[in-house]
Amino acid sequence: MAIIITDECINCGACEPECPNNAIYEGAMGWKMSEGTKVKGMFDLMNGSKVQADQEQEPISDDVYFIVPDKCTECKGFHEEPQCAAVCPVDCCVPDDDHVESEEELLEKQAKLHKED
């Protein structure tokens, strides 16, 4: 499953540079599938919709840092544990029950986000 940042977040920003997929953004910031990945052109999101990789998307949260579920792989393929959770001083990076994925699915997502053309 993806990781989510709860509203207990103190906006310290410790998590953002640790994400190998660039899936973490400051509250109220737009995001793109192409940022921190090798994704180009059209990309199929988990909800079935399609987005242009370089098109800015609406923020998921306006108040605290947020994680884009379509980019979160729980650091599978990079690290043994989610790095955001490892560095969070208030333990607000927790599993997202709304985006449950198996380890195999997370590794497939990681490969899709970072495949070479």
N, C-alpha and C. Protein backbone atom coordinates (compact mmCIF):
# COMPACT_ATOMS: atom_id res chain seq x y z
N MET A 1 0.83 -1.18 0.00
CA MET A 1 0.00 0.00 0.00
C MET A 1 0.87 1.23 0.00
N ALA A 2 0.32 2.31 -0.43
CA ALA A 2 1.04 3.57 -0.40
C ALA A 2 1.12 4.09 1.03
N ILE A 3 1.91 5.09 1.22
CA ILE A 3 2.04 5.76 2.51
C ILE A 3 1.25 7.06 2.42
N ILE A 4 0.67 7.48 3.53
CA ILE A 4 -0.06 8.74 3.61
C ILE A 4 0.53 9.57 4.75
N ILE A 5 0.47 10.87 4.61
CA ILE A 5 0.92 11.77 5.68
C ILE A 5 -0.32 12.28 6.38
N THR A 6 -0.39 12.05 7.68
CA THR A 6 -1.58 12.45 8.44
C THR A 6 -1.55 13.93 8.78
N ASP A 7 -2.65 14.43 9.29
CA ASP A 7 -2.73 15.85 9.63
C ASP A 7 -1.94 16.20 10.90
N GLU A 8 -1.27 15.22 11.49
CA GLU A 8 -0.34 15.51 12.59
C GLU A 8 0.99 16.06 12.08
N CYS A 9 1.15 16.10 10.75
CA CYS A 9 2.37 16.61 10.13
C CYS A 9 2.69 18.01 10.64
N ILE A 10 3.96 18.24 10.97
CA ILE A 10 4.39 19.56 11.44
C ILE A 10 5.06 20.37 10.33
N ASN A 11 4.98 19.87 9.09
CA ASN A 11 5.53 20.56 7.92
C ASN A 11 7.03 20.82 8.04
N CYS A 12 7.76 19.88 8.61
CA CYS A 12 9.21 20.06 8.76
C CYS A 12 9.95 19.83 7.45
N GLY A 13 9.36 19.02 6.55
CA GLY A 13 9.98 18.76 5.27
C GLY A 13 11.05 17.68 5.26
N ALA A 14 11.26 16.99 6.37
CA ALA A 14 12.30 15.96 6.44
C ALA A 14 12.06 14.83 5.45
N CYS A 15 10.82 14.53 5.18
CA CYS A 15 10.47 13.40 4.32
C CYS A 15 10.72 13.66 2.83
N GLU A 16 10.49 14.87 2.40
CA GLU A 16 10.50 15.18 0.96
C GLU A 16 11.78 14.77 0.23
N PRO A 17 12.97 15.13 0.72
CA PRO A 17 14.18 14.76 -0.02
C PRO A 17 14.53 13.27 0.05
N GLU A 18 13.87 12.54 0.94
CA GLU A 18 14.17 11.11 1.11
C GLU A 18 13.46 10.23 0.11
N CYS A 19 12.43 10.76 -0.56
CA CYS A 19 11.60 9.94 -1.45
C CYS A 19 12.30 9.70 -2.79
N PRO A 20 12.57 8.43 -3.14
CA PRO A 20 13.24 8.13 -4.41
C PRO A 20 12.35 8.32 -5.64
N ASN A 21 11.04 8.48 -5.42
CA ASN A 21 10.10 8.67 -6.53
C ASN A 21 9.62 10.11 -6.66
N ASN A 22 10.11 10.98 -5.80
CA ASN A 22 9.63 12.37 -5.76
C ASN A 22 8.10 12.38 -5.65
N ALA A 23 7.59 11.56 -4.73
CA ALA A 23 6.14 11.44 -4.54
C ALA A 23 5.63 12.35 -3.43
N ILE A 24 6.52 13.04 -2.73
CA ILE A 24 6.13 13.88 -1.59
C ILE A 24 6.23 15.34 -1.97
N TYR A 25 5.15 16.07 -1.67
CA TYR A 25 5.08 17.49 -2.02
C TYR A 25 4.60 18.31 -0.83
N GLU A 26 5.06 19.54 -0.77
CA GLU A 26 4.61 20.47 0.25
C GLU A 26 3.13 20.80 0.01
N GLY A 27 2.39 20.99 1.08
CA GLY A 27 0.98 21.32 0.97
C GLY A 27 0.74 22.48 0.01
N ALA A 28 -0.33 22.39 -0.76
CA ALA A 28 -0.77 23.39 -1.73
C ALA A 28 0.10 23.46 -2.99
N MET A 29 1.06 22.57 -3.12
CA MET A 29 1.92 22.56 -4.32
C MET A 29 1.36 21.58 -5.36
N GLY A 30 1.39 22.00 -6.62
CA GLY A 30 1.02 21.10 -7.70
C GLY A 30 2.10 20.04 -7.88
N TRP A 31 1.76 18.96 -8.56
CA TRP A 31 2.71 17.87 -8.78
C TRP A 31 2.57 17.34 -10.20
N LYS A 32 3.63 16.64 -10.64
CA LYS A 32 3.65 16.05 -11.97
C LYS A 32 4.17 14.62 -11.88
N MET A 33 3.62 13.74 -12.70
CA MET A 33 4.10 12.35 -12.75
C MET A 33 5.55 12.30 -13.20
N SER A 34 5.98 13.21 -14.03
CA SER A 34 7.33 13.18 -14.59
C SER A 34 8.41 13.58 -13.57
N GLU A 35 8.04 14.28 -12.52
CA GLU A 35 9.03 14.75 -11.55
C GLU A 35 9.60 13.58 -10.76
N GLY A 36 10.89 13.36 -10.87
CA GLY A 36 11.56 12.30 -10.14
C GLY A 36 11.38 10.91 -10.73
N THR A 37 10.77 10.83 -11.90
CA THR A 37 10.56 9.54 -12.56
C THR A 37 11.03 9.65 -14.01
N LYS A 38 10.90 8.56 -14.74
CA LYS A 38 11.22 8.57 -16.17
C LYS A 38 9.95 8.55 -17.01
N VAL A 39 8.81 8.80 -16.39
CA VAL A 39 7.52 8.78 -17.08
C VAL A 39 7.44 9.92 -18.09
N LYS A 40 6.98 9.57 -19.30
CA LYS A 40 6.78 10.54 -20.38
C LYS A 40 5.44 10.27 -21.03
N GLY A 41 4.88 11.30 -21.67
CA GLY A 41 3.63 11.13 -22.40
C GLY A 41 2.45 10.88 -21.48
N MET A 42 1.50 10.09 -21.95
CA MET A 42 0.30 9.78 -21.16
C MET A 42 0.62 8.69 -20.14
N PHE A 43 0.01 8.82 -18.95
CA PHE A 43 0.23 7.86 -17.88
C PHE A 43 -1.11 7.47 -17.29
N ASP A 44 -1.31 6.16 -17.07
CA ASP A 44 -2.55 5.65 -16.48
C ASP A 44 -2.43 5.68 -14.96
N LEU A 45 -3.32 6.45 -14.32
CA LEU A 45 -3.34 6.51 -12.86
C LEU A 45 -4.09 5.30 -12.30
N MET A 46 -3.92 5.06 -11.00
CA MET A 46 -4.55 3.92 -10.35
C MET A 46 -6.08 3.98 -10.42
N ASN A 47 -6.65 5.17 -10.50
CA ASN A 47 -8.11 5.30 -10.55
C ASN A 47 -8.67 5.10 -11.96
N GLY A 48 -7.80 4.79 -12.91
CA GLY A 48 -8.22 4.53 -14.28
C GLY A 48 -8.15 5.74 -15.20
N SER A 49 -7.94 6.92 -14.65
CA SER A 49 -7.83 8.10 -15.50
C SER A 49 -6.42 8.20 -16.07
N LYS A 50 -6.29 9.02 -17.09
CA LYS A 50 -5.01 9.23 -17.74
C LYS A 50 -4.59 10.67 -17.54
N VAL A 51 -3.28 10.89 -17.37
CA VAL A 51 -2.75 12.25 -17.26
C VAL A 51 -1.52 12.37 -18.15
N GLN A 52 -1.26 13.56 -18.57
CA GLN A 52 -0.02 13.86 -19.28
C GLN A 52 1.07 13.97 -18.22
N ALA A 53 2.19 13.28 -18.41
CA ALA A 53 3.24 13.21 -17.40
C ALA A 53 3.75 14.58 -16.97
N ASP A 54 3.82 15.52 -17.90
CA ASP A 54 4.35 16.85 -17.59
C ASP A 54 3.27 17.86 -17.19
N GLN A 55 2.02 17.41 -17.12
CA GLN A 55 0.93 18.31 -16.76
C GLN A 55 0.83 18.42 -15.24
N GLU A 56 0.80 19.66 -14.75
CA GLU A 56 0.69 19.86 -13.30
C GLU A 56 -0.69 19.44 -12.81
N GLN A 57 -0.69 18.68 -11.72
CA GLN A 57 -1.92 18.19 -11.10
C GLN A 57 -2.22 18.99 -9.84
N GLU A 58 -3.48 18.96 -9.43
CA GLU A 58 -3.91 19.68 -8.24
C GLU A 58 -3.28 19.06 -6.98
N PRO A 59 -2.98 19.89 -5.98
CA PRO A 59 -2.46 19.36 -4.72
C PRO A 59 -3.46 18.42 -4.06
N ILE A 60 -2.96 17.43 -3.35
CA ILE A 60 -3.82 16.51 -2.61
C ILE A 60 -4.17 17.10 -1.25
N SER A 61 -3.31 17.94 -0.72
CA SER A 61 -3.56 18.64 0.54
C SER A 61 -3.11 20.08 0.41
N ASP A 62 -3.85 20.97 1.03
CA ASP A 62 -3.45 22.37 1.04
C ASP A 62 -2.72 22.74 2.32
N ASP A 63 -2.81 21.90 3.35
CA ASP A 63 -2.31 22.27 4.66
C ASP A 63 -0.98 21.62 5.05
N VAL A 64 -0.81 20.35 4.72
CA VAL A 64 0.40 19.63 5.12
C VAL A 64 1.02 18.94 3.92
N TYR A 65 2.25 18.48 4.08
CA TYR A 65 2.90 17.69 3.04
C TYR A 65 1.99 16.52 2.67
N PHE A 66 2.08 16.07 1.42
CA PHE A 66 1.26 14.95 0.98
C PHE A 66 2.08 14.03 0.08
N ILE A 67 1.61 12.80 -0.04
CA ILE A 67 2.25 11.79 -0.88
C ILE A 67 1.28 11.43 -2.01
N VAL A 68 1.77 11.46 -3.23
CA VAL A 68 0.96 11.08 -4.39
C VAL A 68 0.95 9.54 -4.46
N PRO A 69 -0.22 8.92 -4.23
CA PRO A 69 -0.27 7.45 -4.21
C PRO A 69 0.21 6.80 -5.51
N ASP A 70 -0.03 7.45 -6.64
CA ASP A 70 0.38 6.89 -7.92
C ASP A 70 1.90 6.87 -8.09
N LYS A 71 2.61 7.59 -7.26
CA LYS A 71 4.07 7.62 -7.33
C LYS A 71 4.73 6.89 -6.17
N CYS A 72 3.97 6.59 -5.12
CA CYS A 72 4.53 5.96 -3.92
C CYS A 72 4.69 4.45 -4.13
N THR A 73 5.89 3.95 -3.89
CA THR A 73 6.16 2.52 -3.96
C THR A 73 6.62 1.98 -2.61
N GLU A 74 6.40 2.75 -1.55
CA GLU A 74 6.89 2.41 -0.21
C GLU A 74 8.39 2.16 -0.25
N CYS A 75 9.07 2.77 -1.19
CA CYS A 75 10.52 2.66 -1.40
C CYS A 75 10.95 1.27 -1.87
N LYS A 76 9.98 0.42 -2.26
CA LYS A 76 10.33 -0.91 -2.79
C LYS A 76 11.20 -0.71 -4.03
N GLY A 77 12.23 -1.52 -4.14
CA GLY A 77 13.16 -1.40 -5.25
C GLY A 77 14.29 -0.43 -4.97
N PHE A 78 14.19 0.30 -3.86
CA PHE A 78 15.23 1.26 -3.48
C PHE A 78 15.77 1.00 -2.07
N HIS A 79 14.86 0.81 -1.11
CA HIS A 79 15.23 0.68 0.30
C HIS A 79 14.42 -0.43 0.97
N GLU A 80 14.85 -0.83 2.15
CA GLU A 80 14.16 -1.88 2.89
C GLU A 80 12.87 -1.41 3.55
N GLU A 81 12.77 -0.10 3.81
CA GLU A 81 11.59 0.46 4.46
C GLU A 81 11.28 1.83 3.88
N PRO A 82 10.05 2.30 4.04
CA PRO A 82 9.71 3.64 3.55
C PRO A 82 10.57 4.69 4.24
N GLN A 83 11.31 5.44 3.47
CA GLN A 83 12.23 6.42 4.03
C GLN A 83 11.52 7.59 4.68
N CYS A 84 10.35 7.96 4.18
CA CYS A 84 9.60 9.06 4.79
C CYS A 84 9.26 8.72 6.23
N ALA A 85 8.80 7.49 6.46
CA ALA A 85 8.44 7.06 7.81
C ALA A 85 9.68 6.97 8.70
N ALA A 86 10.79 6.56 8.11
CA ALA A 86 12.03 6.41 8.89
C ALA A 86 12.55 7.73 9.42
N VAL A 87 12.36 8.82 8.67
CA VAL A 87 12.90 10.12 9.09
C VAL A 87 11.88 11.04 9.75
N CYS A 88 10.61 10.69 9.73
CA CYS A 88 9.57 11.57 10.26
C CYS A 88 9.68 11.69 11.78
N PRO A 89 9.86 12.91 12.28
CA PRO A 89 10.02 13.08 13.73
C PRO A 89 8.72 12.92 14.53
N VAL A 90 7.57 12.95 13.86
CA VAL A 90 6.31 12.83 14.59
C VAL A 90 5.50 11.59 14.16
N ASP A 91 6.12 10.70 13.41
CA ASP A 91 5.49 9.44 12.99
C ASP A 91 4.14 9.64 12.30
N CYS A 92 4.08 10.60 11.38
CA CYS A 92 2.82 10.84 10.67
C CYS A 92 2.80 10.24 9.27
N CYS A 93 3.85 9.53 8.87
CA CYS A 93 3.87 8.82 7.59
C CYS A 93 3.47 7.37 7.88
N VAL A 94 2.24 7.04 7.53
CA VAL A 94 1.66 5.74 7.89
C VAL A 94 1.07 5.07 6.65
N PRO A 95 0.82 3.75 6.72
CA PRO A 95 0.19 3.07 5.58
C PRO A 95 -1.17 3.68 5.25
N ASP A 96 -1.45 3.78 3.96
CA ASP A 96 -2.70 4.35 3.45
C ASP A 96 -3.66 3.21 3.15
N ASP A 97 -4.65 3.01 4.02
CA ASP A 97 -5.61 1.91 3.84
C ASP A 97 -6.46 2.05 2.59
N ASP A 98 -6.50 3.25 2.00
CA ASP A 98 -7.27 3.45 0.78
C ASP A 98 -6.50 3.05 -0.49
N HIS A 99 -5.21 2.76 -0.35
CA HIS A 99 -4.37 2.38 -1.50
C HIS A 99 -3.50 1.18 -1.13
N VAL A 100 -4.14 0.03 -1.01
CA VAL A 100 -3.47 -1.20 -0.61
C VAL A 100 -2.90 -1.89 -1.84
N GLU A 101 -1.59 -2.18 -1.81
CA GLU A 101 -0.92 -2.87 -2.91
C GLU A 101 0.02 -3.91 -2.33
N SER A 102 0.18 -5.01 -3.04
CA SER A 102 1.11 -6.06 -2.61
C SER A 102 2.54 -5.62 -2.93
N GLU A 103 3.50 -6.32 -2.38
CA GLU A 103 4.90 -6.02 -2.67
C GLU A 103 5.16 -6.16 -4.17
N GLU A 104 4.57 -7.17 -4.79
CA GLU A 104 4.74 -7.37 -6.23
C GLU A 104 4.19 -6.18 -7.02
N GLU A 105 3.01 -5.69 -6.63
CA GLU A 105 2.42 -4.53 -7.31
C GLU A 105 3.29 -3.28 -7.13
N LEU A 106 3.84 -3.11 -5.93
CA LEU A 106 4.70 -1.95 -5.67
C LEU A 106 5.97 -2.02 -6.51
N LEU A 107 6.54 -3.21 -6.65
CA LEU A 107 7.75 -3.37 -7.47
C LEU A 107 7.43 -3.14 -8.95
N GLU A 108 6.24 -3.57 -9.39
CA GLU A 108 5.82 -3.32 -10.78
C GLU A 108 5.66 -1.82 -11.01
N LYS A 109 5.09 -1.12 -10.03
CA LYS A 109 4.92 0.33 -10.14
C LYS A 109 6.29 1.01 -10.19
N GLN A 110 7.20 0.56 -9.35
CA GLN A 110 8.56 1.14 -9.33
C GLN A 110 9.21 0.96 -10.69
N ALA A 111 9.08 -0.22 -11.28
CA ALA A 111 9.67 -0.47 -12.60
C ALA A 111 9.02 0.41 -13.66
N LYS A 112 7.71 0.60 -13.59
CA LYS A 112 6.97 1.43 -14.55
C LYS A 112 7.40 2.90 -14.44
N LEU A 113 7.61 3.37 -13.22
CA LEU A 113 8.00 4.76 -13.00
C LEU A 113 9.43 5.05 -13.44
N HIS A 114 10.28 4.02 -13.42
CA HIS A 114 11.70 4.26 -13.65
C HIS A 114 12.28 3.47 -14.82
N LYS A 115 11.43 2.93 -15.69
CA LYS A 115 11.94 2.16 -16.81
C LYS A 115 12.63 3.06 -17.82
N GLU A 116 13.67 2.53 -18.38
CA GLU A 116 14.42 3.24 -19.42
C GLU A 116 13.72 3.05 -20.75
N ASP A 117 13.70 4.07 -21.57
CA ASP A 117 13.09 3.96 -22.90
C ASP A 117 14.00 3.21 -23.85
